[in-house]
């Protein structure tokens, strides 16, 4: 499931990795390489770094990660 996809309202493409963790694909903070995090909270912080840089990040992406932390836990090992 993608939390955000590239488009008019998003400069990021973020999804839960099939191998575990979360990925920010073609990440502008990482010279176009994928950034992986082990927890939802780490990805939320990563998305806030994108916002601080001026990238468009859909609020729904951060909200969905927060909701999942509350219902599923912070990492794939805790769900």
C-alpha atoms as a PDB file:
ATOM      1  CA  UNK A   1       0.000   0.000   0.000  1.00  0.00           C
ATOM      2  CA  UNK A   2       1.311   3.427  -0.905  1.00  0.00           C
ATOM      3  CA  UNK A   3       1.034   6.226   1.624  1.00  0.00           C
ATOM      4  CA  UNK A   4       1.896   8.825  -1.019  1.00  0.00           C
ATOM      5  CA  UNK A   5       2.548   8.730  -4.758  1.00  0.00           C
ATOM      6  CA  UNK A   6       4.250  11.255  -6.995  1.00  0.00           C
ATOM      7  CA  UNK A   7       1.793  13.783  -8.412  1.00  0.00           C
ATOM      8  CA  UNK A   8       0.637  17.379  -8.252  1.00  0.00           C
ATOM      9  CA  UNK A   9       0.176  17.233  -4.495  1.00  0.00           C
ATOM     10  CA  UNK A  10       3.125  14.965  -3.669  1.00  0.00           C
ATOM     11  CA  UNK A  11       6.873  15.063  -4.209  1.00  0.00           C
ATOM     12  CA  UNK A  12       7.317  11.704  -2.445  1.00  0.00           C
ATOM     13  CA  UNK A  13       6.495   8.059  -3.115  1.00  0.00           C
ATOM     14  CA  UNK A  14       6.253   6.152   0.167  1.00  0.00           C
ATOM     15  CA  UNK A  15       5.101   2.591   0.759  1.00  0.00           C
ATOM     16  CA  UNK A  16       5.475  -0.387   3.089  1.00  0.00           C
ATOM     17  CA  UNK A  17       8.179  -2.621   1.678  1.00  0.00           C
ATOM     18  CA  UNK A  18       7.361  -6.267   0.945  1.00  0.00           C
ATOM     19  CA  UNK A  19      10.734  -7.074   2.556  1.00  0.00           C
ATOM     20  CA  UNK A  20       9.773  -5.232   5.747  1.00  0.00           C
ATOM     21  CA  UNK A  21      10.053  -1.609   6.760  1.00  0.00           C
ATOM     22  CA  UNK A  22       9.035   1.470   4.795  1.00  0.00           C
ATOM     23  CA  UNK A  23      10.524   2.990   1.659  1.00  0.00           C
ATOM     24  CA  UNK A  24      10.732   6.457   0.183  1.00  0.00           C
ATOM     25  CA  UNK A  25      11.445   5.704  -3.457  1.00  0.00           C
ATOM     26  CA  UNK A  26      13.589   8.016  -5.615  1.00  0.00           C
ATOM     27  CA  UNK A  27      14.135  10.107  -2.487  1.00  0.00           C
ATOM     28  CA  UNK A  28      15.282  13.672  -3.121  1.00  0.00           C
ATOM     29  CA  UNK A  29      16.903  13.696   0.342  1.00  0.00           C
ATOM     30  CA  UNK A  30      19.014  10.699  -0.667  1.00  0.00           C
ATOM     31  CA  UNK A  31      20.248  11.764  -4.128  1.00  0.00           C
ATOM     32  CA  UNK A  32      17.407   9.901  -5.846  1.00  0.00           C
ATOM     33  CA  UNK A  33      18.078   6.602  -4.110  1.00  0.00           C
ATOM     34  CA  UNK A  34      15.570   4.757  -1.967  1.00  0.00           C
ATOM     35  CA  UNK A  35      15.493   5.573   1.735  1.00  0.00           C
ATOM     36  CA  UNK A  36      14.361   2.717   3.996  1.00  0.00           C
ATOM     37  CA  UNK A  37      13.228   2.945   7.598  1.00  0.00           C
ATOM     38  CA  UNK A  38      12.565   0.166  10.095  1.00  0.00           C
ATOM     39  CA  UNK A  39       9.612   1.866  11.779  1.00  0.00           C
ATOM     40  CA  UNK A  40       6.600   3.977  10.972  1.00  0.00           C
ATOM     41  CA  UNK A  41       7.785   6.743  13.301  1.00  0.00           C
ATOM     42  CA  UNK A  42      11.133   6.918  11.475  1.00  0.00           C
ATOM     43  CA  UNK A  43       9.269   7.306   8.172  1.00  0.00           C
ATOM     44  CA  UNK A  44       7.094  10.040   9.702  1.00  0.00           C
ATOM     45  CA  UNK A  45      10.262  11.891  10.736  1.00  0.00           C
ATOM     46  CA  UNK A  46      11.698  11.365   7.264  1.00  0.00           C
ATOM     47  CA  UNK A  47       8.558  12.877   5.716  1.00  0.00           C
ATOM     48  CA  UNK A  48       8.858  15.871   8.056  1.00  0.00           C
ATOM     49  CA  UNK A  49      12.395  16.359   6.727  1.00  0.00           C
ATOM     50  CA  UNK A  50      10.939  16.458   3.220  1.00  0.00           C
ATOM     51  CA  UNK A  51       8.454  19.105   4.377  1.00  0.00           C
ATOM     52  CA  UNK A  52      11.244  21.149   5.960  1.00  0.00           C
ATOM     53  CA  UNK A  53      13.088  21.023   2.622  1.00  0.00           C
ATOM     54  CA  UNK A  54       9.968  22.364   0.904  1.00  0.00           C
ATOM     55  CA  UNK A  55       8.789  19.129  -0.692  1.00  0.00           C
ATOM     56  CA  UNK A  56       5.063  18.486  -0.943  1.00  0.00           C
ATOM     57  CA  UNK A  57       4.013  15.692   1.418  1.00  0.00           C
ATOM     58  CA  UNK A  58       0.328  14.783   1.657  1.00  0.00           C
ATOM     59  CA  UNK A  59      -0.902  15.229   5.228  1.00  0.00           C
ATOM     60  CA  UNK A  60      -2.791  11.955   4.806  1.00  0.00           C
ATOM     61  CA  UNK A  61       0.491  10.050   4.544  1.00  0.00           C
ATOM     62  CA  UNK A  62       1.649  11.173   7.978  1.00  0.00           C
ATOM     63  CA  UNK A  63      -1.844  10.718   9.421  1.00  0.00           C
ATOM     64  CA  UNK A  64      -2.052   7.149   8.098  1.00  0.00           C
ATOM     65  CA  UNK A  65       1.337   6.264   9.572  1.00  0.00           C
ATOM     66  CA  UNK A  66       0.247   7.739  12.930  1.00  0.00           C
ATOM     67  CA  UNK A  67      -3.038   5.799  12.851  1.00  0.00           C
ATOM     68  CA  UNK A  68      -1.151   2.593  12.118  1.00  0.00           C
ATOM     69  CA  UNK A  69       1.220   3.204  15.026  1.00  0.00           C
ATOM     70  CA  UNK A  70      -1.791   3.495  17.315  1.00  0.00           C
ATOM     71  CA  UNK A  71      -3.522   0.372  15.978  1.00  0.00           C
ATOM     72  CA  UNK A  72      -0.709  -1.899  14.711  1.00  0.00           C
ATOM     73  CA  UNK A  73       2.429  -0.695  16.451  1.00  0.00           C
ATOM     74  CA  UNK A  74       5.492   1.131  15.212  1.00  0.00           C
ATOM     75  CA  UNK A  75       7.263  -1.602  13.230  1.00  0.00           C
ATOM     76  CA  UNK A  76       6.505  -4.680  11.178  1.00  0.00           C
ATOM     77  CA  UNK A  77       7.781  -6.853  14.026  1.00  0.00           C
ATOM     78  CA  UNK A  78       5.246  -5.337  16.443  1.00  0.00           C
ATOM     79  CA  UNK A  79       2.202  -5.832  14.200  1.00  0.00           C
END
